């Protein structure tokens, strides 16, 4: 079974989560809509991006 992507960017994914997720049978009832400011969104995006390194730390070795 092929799954479709619901968001193309980190910002879109966070926006979906802010709004309480996508309705489905497996949606966690603790995931609720949040009323947050655009500043909160930009700060969260900046934080998450800071956790991801810009460059690969090392190249994957080639096996003989």
PDB file of N, CA and C in Angstrom:
ATOM      1  N   UNK A   1       0.840  -1.172   0.000  1.00  0.00           N
ATOM      2  CA  UNK A   1       0.000   0.000   0.000  1.00  0.00           C
ATOM      3  C   UNK A   1       0.890   1.241   0.000  1.00  0.00           C
ATOM      4  N   UNK A   2       0.603   2.171  -0.889  1.00  0.00           N
ATOM      5  CA  UNK A   2       1.388   3.400  -0.981  1.00  0.00           C
ATOM      6  C   UNK A   2       0.706   4.502  -0.180  1.00  0.00           C
ATOM      7  N   UNK A   3       1.481   5.212   0.630  1.00  0.00           N
ATOM      8  CA  UNK A   3       0.932   6.295   1.440  1.00  0.00           C
ATOM      9  C   UNK A   3       1.220   7.618   0.745  1.00  0.00           C
ATOM     10  N   UNK A   4       0.250   8.480   0.729  1.00  0.00           N
ATOM     11  CA  UNK A   4       0.467   9.789   0.120  1.00  0.00           C
ATOM     12  C   UNK A   4       1.018  10.750   1.174  1.00  0.00           C
ATOM     13  N   UNK A   5       1.786  11.705   0.705  1.00  0.00           N
ATOM     14  CA  UNK A   5       2.334  12.708   1.602  1.00  0.00           C
ATOM     15  C   UNK A   5       1.285  13.790   1.800  1.00  0.00           C
ATOM     16  N   UNK A   6       1.083  14.186   3.022  1.00  0.00           N
ATOM     17  CA  UNK A   6       0.093  15.213   3.328  1.00  0.00           C
ATOM     18  C   UNK A   6       0.716  16.601   3.332  1.00  0.00           C
ATOM     19  N   UNK A   7       2.002  16.668   3.546  1.00  0.00           N
ATOM     20  CA  UNK A   7       2.664  17.975   3.586  1.00  0.00           C
ATOM     21  C   UNK A   7       4.005  17.881   2.875  1.00  0.00           C
ATOM     22  N   UNK A   8       4.396  18.988   2.265  1.00  0.00           N
ATOM     23  CA  UNK A   8       5.654  19.007   1.532  1.00  0.00           C
ATOM     24  C   UNK A   8       6.758  19.697   2.313  1.00  0.00           C
ATOM     25  N   UNK A   9       6.379  20.462   3.327  1.00  0.00           N
ATOM     26  CA  UNK A   9       7.380  21.191   4.100  1.00  0.00           C
ATOM     27  C   UNK A   9       7.168  20.958   5.581  1.00  0.00           C
ATOM     28  N   UNK A  10       8.180  21.271   6.339  1.00  0.00           N
ATOM     29  CA  UNK A  10       8.085  21.172   7.796  1.00  0.00           C
ATOM     30  C   UNK A  10       6.982  22.092   8.313  1.00  0.00           C
ATOM     31  N   UNK A  11       6.901  23.291   7.759  1.00  0.00           N
ATOM     32  CA  UNK A  11       5.877  24.243   8.185  1.00  0.00           C
ATOM     33  C   UNK A  11       4.463  23.701   7.965  1.00  0.00           C
ATOM     34  N   UNK A  12       4.242  23.046   6.827  1.00  0.00           N
ATOM     35  CA  UNK A  12       2.929  22.460   6.544  1.00  0.00           C
ATOM     36  C   UNK A  12       2.616  21.334   7.528  1.00  0.00           C
ATOM     37  N   UNK A  13       3.603  20.523   7.843  1.00  0.00           N
ATOM     38  CA  UNK A  13       3.395  19.417   8.784  1.00  0.00           C
ATOM     39  C   UNK A  13       3.048  19.952  10.168  1.00  0.00           C
ATOM     40  N   UNK A  14       3.761  20.972  10.611  1.00  0.00           N
ATOM     41  CA  UNK A  14       3.485  21.560  11.925  1.00  0.00           C
ATOM     42  C   UNK A  14       2.092  22.188  11.927  1.00  0.00           C
ATOM     43  N   UNK A  15       1.715  22.840  10.837  1.00  0.00           N
ATOM     44  CA  UNK A  15       0.399  23.461  10.743  1.00  0.00           C
ATOM     45  C   UNK A  15      -0.702  22.416  10.903  1.00  0.00           C
ATOM     46  N   UNK A  16      -0.517  21.251  10.289  1.00  0.00           N
ATOM     47  CA  UNK A  16      -1.503  20.167  10.418  1.00  0.00           C
ATOM     48  C   UNK A  16      -1.615  19.747  11.888  1.00  0.00           C
ATOM     49  N   UNK A  17      -0.472  19.623  12.556  1.00  0.00           N
ATOM     50  CA  UNK A  17      -0.483  19.214  13.960  1.00  0.00           C
ATOM     51  C   UNK A  17      -1.115  20.287  14.843  1.00  0.00           C
ATOM     52  N   UNK A  18      -0.837  21.577  14.560  1.00  0.00           N
ATOM     53  CA  UNK A  18      -1.454  22.685  15.325  1.00  0.00           C
ATOM     54  C   UNK A  18      -2.964  22.590  15.266  1.00  0.00           C
ATOM     55  N   UNK A  19      -3.463  22.178  14.091  1.00  0.00           N
ATOM     56  CA  UNK A  19      -4.912  22.146  13.888  1.00  0.00           C
ATOM     57  C   UNK A  19      -5.549  20.864  14.411  1.00  0.00           C
ATOM     58  N   UNK A  20      -4.779  20.029  15.073  1.00  0.00           N
ATOM     59  CA  UNK A  20      -5.334  18.824  15.675  1.00  0.00           C
ATOM     60  C   UNK A  20      -5.148  17.571  14.860  1.00  0.00           C
ATOM     61  N   UNK A  21      -4.336  17.635  13.828  1.00  0.00           N
ATOM     62  CA  UNK A  21      -4.053  16.453  13.019  1.00  0.00           C
ATOM     63  C   UNK A  21      -5.114  16.208  11.963  1.00  0.00           C
ATOM     64  N   UNK A  22      -4.961  15.132  11.256  1.00  0.00           N
ATOM     65  CA  UNK A  22      -5.895  14.736  10.202  1.00  0.00           C
ATOM     66  C   UNK A  22      -6.802  13.659  10.790  1.00  0.00           C
ATOM     67  N   UNK A  23      -8.089  13.864  10.681  1.00  0.00           N
ATOM     68  CA  UNK A  23      -9.052  12.921  11.253  1.00  0.00           C
ATOM     69  C   UNK A  23      -8.868  11.529  10.655  1.00  0.00           C
ATOM     70  N   UNK A  24      -8.695  10.545  11.538  1.00  0.00           N
ATOM     71  CA  UNK A  24      -8.599   9.154  11.121  1.00  0.00           C
ATOM     72  C   UNK A  24      -8.806   8.275  12.339  1.00  0.00           C
ATOM     73  N   UNK A  25      -8.956   6.985  12.130  1.00  0.00           N
ATOM     74  CA  UNK A  25      -9.242   6.051  13.233  1.00  0.00           C
ATOM     75  C   UNK A  25      -8.119   5.970  14.257  1.00  0.00           C
ATOM     76  N   UNK A  26      -6.889   6.291  13.859  1.00  0.00           N
ATOM     77  CA  UNK A  26      -5.743   6.157  14.753  1.00  0.00           C
ATOM     78  C   UNK A  26      -5.302   7.472  15.385  1.00  0.00           C
ATOM     79  N   UNK A  27      -6.070   8.530  15.201  1.00  0.00           N
ATOM     80  CA  UNK A  27      -5.711   9.839  15.735  1.00  0.00           C
ATOM     81  C   UNK A  27      -5.755   9.818  17.259  1.00  0.00           C
ATOM     82  N   UNK A  28      -4.670  10.229  17.882  1.00  0.00           N
ATOM     83  CA  UNK A  28      -4.587  10.259  19.341  1.00  0.00           C
ATOM     84  C   UNK A  28      -5.548  11.313  19.878  1.00  0.00           C
ATOM     85  N   UNK A  29      -6.428  10.949  20.798  1.00  0.00           N
ATOM     86  CA  UNK A  29      -7.393  11.920  21.331  1.00  0.00           C
ATOM     87  C   UNK A  29      -6.722  13.065  22.099  1.00  0.00           C
ATOM     88  N   UNK A  30      -5.464  12.888  22.487  1.00  0.00           N
ATOM     89  CA  UNK A  30      -4.749  13.963  23.193  1.00  0.00           C
ATOM     90  C   UNK A  30      -4.280  15.059  22.241  1.00  0.00           C
ATOM     91  N   UNK A  31      -4.306  14.778  20.937  1.00  0.00           N
ATOM     92  CA  UNK A  31      -3.887  15.767  19.951  1.00  0.00           C
ATOM     93  C   UNK A  31      -5.071  16.688  19.689  1.00  0.00           C
ATOM     94  N   UNK A  32      -4.997  17.888  20.222  1.00  0.00           N
ATOM     95  CA  UNK A  32      -6.089  18.857  20.117  1.00  0.00           C
ATOM     96  C   UNK A  32      -5.635  20.089  19.354  1.00  0.00           C
ATOM     97  N   UNK A  33      -6.598  20.800  18.803  1.00  0.00           N
ATOM     98  CA  UNK A  33      -6.324  22.061  18.115  1.00  0.00           C
ATOM     99  C   UNK A  33      -5.748  23.057  19.118  1.00  0.00           C
ATOM    100  N   UNK A  34      -4.725  23.775  18.711  1.00  0.00           N
ATOM    101  CA  UNK A  34      -4.088  24.780  19.547  1.00  0.00           C
ATOM    102  C   UNK A  34      -4.202  26.139  18.880  1.00  0.00           C
ATOM    103  N   UNK A  35      -4.466  27.147  19.663  1.00  0.00           N
ATOM    104  CA  UNK A  35      -4.514  28.513  19.146  1.00  0.00           C
ATOM    105  C   UNK A  35      -3.188  29.176  19.468  1.00  0.00           C
ATOM    106  N   UNK A  36      -2.296  29.147  18.508  1.00  0.00           N
ATOM    107  CA  UNK A  36      -0.968  29.715  18.698  1.00  0.00           C
ATOM    108  C   UNK A  36      -0.722  30.801  17.670  1.00  0.00           C
ATOM    109  N   UNK A  37       0.130  31.704  18.043  1.00  0.00           N
ATOM    110  CA  UNK A  37       0.453  32.832  17.168  1.00  0.00           C
ATOM    111  C   UNK A  37       1.443  32.417  16.085  1.00  0.00           C
ATOM    112  N   UNK A  38       1.478  33.164  14.975  1.00  0.00           N
ATOM    113  CA  UNK A  38       2.465  32.884  13.927  1.00  0.00           C
ATOM    114  C   UNK A  38       3.897  32.925  14.469  1.00  0.00           C
ATOM    115  N   UNK A  39       4.149  33.775  15.454  1.00  0.00           N
ATOM    116  CA  UNK A  39       5.484  33.844  16.061  1.00  0.00           C
ATOM    117  C   UNK A  39       5.837  32.502  16.710  1.00  0.00           C
ATOM    118  N   UNK A  40       4.843  31.872  17.359  1.00  0.00           N
ATOM    119  CA  UNK A  40       5.080  30.560  17.975  1.00  0.00           C
ATOM    120  C   UNK A  40       5.468  29.529  16.927  1.00  0.00           C
ATOM    121  N   UNK A  41       4.781  29.561  15.786  1.00  0.00           N
ATOM    122  CA  UNK A  41       5.086  28.636  14.697  1.00  0.00           C
ATOM    123  C   UNK A  41       6.503  28.848  14.188  1.00  0.00           C
ATOM    124  N   UNK A  42       6.882  30.103  13.965  1.00  0.00           N
ATOM    125  CA  UNK A  42       8.225  30.364  13.434  1.00  0.00           C
ATOM    126  C   UNK A  42       9.299  29.961  14.438  1.00  0.00           C
ATOM    127  N   UNK A  43       9.035  30.139  15.730  1.00  0.00           N
ATOM    128  CA  UNK A  43      10.008  29.731  16.746  1.00  0.00           C
ATOM    129  C   UNK A  43      10.123  28.212  16.810  1.00  0.00           C
ATOM    130  N   UNK A  44       9.010  27.510  16.683  1.00  0.00           N
ATOM    131  CA  UNK A  44       9.043  26.048  16.700  1.00  0.00           C
ATOM    132  C   UNK A  44       9.795  25.515  15.480  1.00  0.00           C
ATOM    133  N   UNK A  45       9.533  26.086  14.314  1.00  0.00           N
ATOM    134  CA  UNK A  45      10.229  25.667  13.093  1.00  0.00           C
ATOM    135  C   UNK A  45      11.728  25.897  13.241  1.00  0.00           C
ATOM    136  N   UNK A  46      12.118  27.060  13.765  1.00  0.00           N
ATOM    137  CA  UNK A  46      13.541  27.356  13.962  1.00  0.00           C
ATOM    138  C   UNK A  46      14.173  26.354  14.919  1.00  0.00           C
ATOM    139  N   UNK A  47      13.461  26.001  15.988  1.00  0.00           N
ATOM    140  CA  UNK A  47      13.985  25.029  16.959  1.00  0.00           C
ATOM    141  C   UNK A  47      14.174  23.660  16.304  1.00  0.00           C
ATOM    142  N   UNK A  48      13.163  23.182  15.591  1.00  0.00           N
ATOM    143  CA  UNK A  48      13.265  21.861  14.964  1.00  0.00           C
ATOM    144  C   UNK A  48      14.388  21.835  13.932  1.00  0.00           C
ATOM    145  N   UNK A  49      14.510  22.899  13.151  1.00  0.00           N
ATOM    146  CA  UNK A  49      15.583  22.954  12.156  1.00  0.00           C
ATOM    147  C   UNK A  49      16.955  22.984  12.815  1.00  0.00           C
ATOM    148  N   UNK A  50      17.044  23.547  14.028  1.00  0.00           N
ATOM    149  CA  UNK A  50      18.337  23.582  14.716  1.00  0.00           C
ATOM    150  C   UNK A  50      18.780  22.189  15.158  1.00  0.00           C
ATOM    151  N   UNK A  51      17.851  21.249  15.231  1.00  0.00           N
ATOM    152  CA  UNK A  51      18.168  19.880  15.636  1.00  0.00           C
ATOM    153  C   UNK A  51      18.724  19.056  14.476  1.00  0.00           C
ATOM    154  N   UNK A  52      18.543  19.543  13.259  1.00  0.00           N
ATOM    155  CA  UNK A  52      18.989  18.831  12.066  1.00  0.00           C
ATOM    156  C   UNK A  52      20.283  19.449  11.559  1.00  0.00           C
ATOM    157  N   UNK A  53      21.354  18.671  11.467  1.00  0.00           N
ATOM    158  CA  UNK A  53      22.611  19.240  10.977  1.00  0.00           C
ATOM    159  C   UNK A  53      22.493  19.688   9.520  1.00  0.00           C
ATOM    160  N   UNK A  54      23.180  20.764   9.185  1.00  0.00           N
ATOM    161  CA  UNK A  54      23.140  21.271   7.818  1.00  0.00           C
ATOM    162  C   UNK A  54      23.930  20.372   6.872  1.00  0.00           C
ATOM    163  N   UNK A  55      25.019  19.808   7.355  1.00  0.00           N
ATOM    164  CA  UNK A  55      25.859  18.948   6.536  1.00  0.00           C
ATOM    165  C   UNK A  55      25.896  17.557   7.151  1.00  0.00           C
ATOM    166  N   UNK A  56      26.211  16.598   6.306  1.00  0.00           N
ATOM    167  CA  UNK A  56      26.418  15.252   6.828  1.00  0.00           C
ATOM    168  C   UNK A  56      27.682  15.282   7.686  1.00  0.00           C
ATOM    169  N   UNK A  57      27.638  14.624   8.824  1.00  0.00           N
ATOM    170  CA  UNK A  57      28.784  14.621   9.721  1.00  0.00           C
ATOM    171  C   UNK A  57      29.941  13.813   9.140  1.00  0.00           C
ATOM    172  N   UNK A  58      29.623  12.782   8.391  1.00  0.00           N
ATOM    173  CA  UNK A  58      30.659  11.967   7.758  1.00  0.00           C
ATOM    174  C   UNK A  58      30.054  11.273   6.550  1.00  0.00           C
ATOM    175  N   UNK A  59      30.900  10.901   5.644  1.00  0.00           N
ATOM    176  CA  UNK A  59      30.423  10.168   4.476  1.00  0.00           C
ATOM    177  C   UNK A  59      30.330   8.692   4.802  1.00  0.00           C
ATOM    178  N   UNK A  60      29.329   8.079   4.233  1.00  0.00           N
ATOM    179  CA  UNK A  60      29.135   6.646   4.426  1.00  0.00           C
ATOM    180  C   UNK A  60      30.283   5.913   3.738  1.00  0.00           C
ATOM    181  N   UNK A  61      30.965   5.026   4.451  1.00  0.00           N
ATOM    182  CA  UNK A  61      32.087   4.314   3.821  1.00  0.00           C
ATOM    183  C   UNK A  61      31.598   3.329   2.757  1.00  0.00           C
ATOM    184  N   UNK A  62      32.450   3.104   1.781  1.00  0.00           N
ATOM    185  CA  UNK A  62      32.135   2.118   0.739  1.00  0.00           C
ATOM    186  C   UNK A  62      32.665   0.770   1.199  1.00  0.00           C
ATOM    187  N   UNK A  63      31.823  -0.202   1.096  1.00  0.00           N
ATOM    188  CA  UNK A  63      32.240  -1.553   1.505  1.00  0.00           C
ATOM    189  C   UNK A  63      32.932  -2.252   0.347  1.00  0.00           C
ATOM    190  N   UNK A  64      33.953  -3.052   0.662  1.00  0.00           N
ATOM    191  CA  UNK A  64      34.670  -3.767  -0.416  1.00  0.00           C
ATOM    192  C   UNK A  64      33.823  -4.846  -1.038  1.00  0.00           C
TER     193      UNK A  64
END
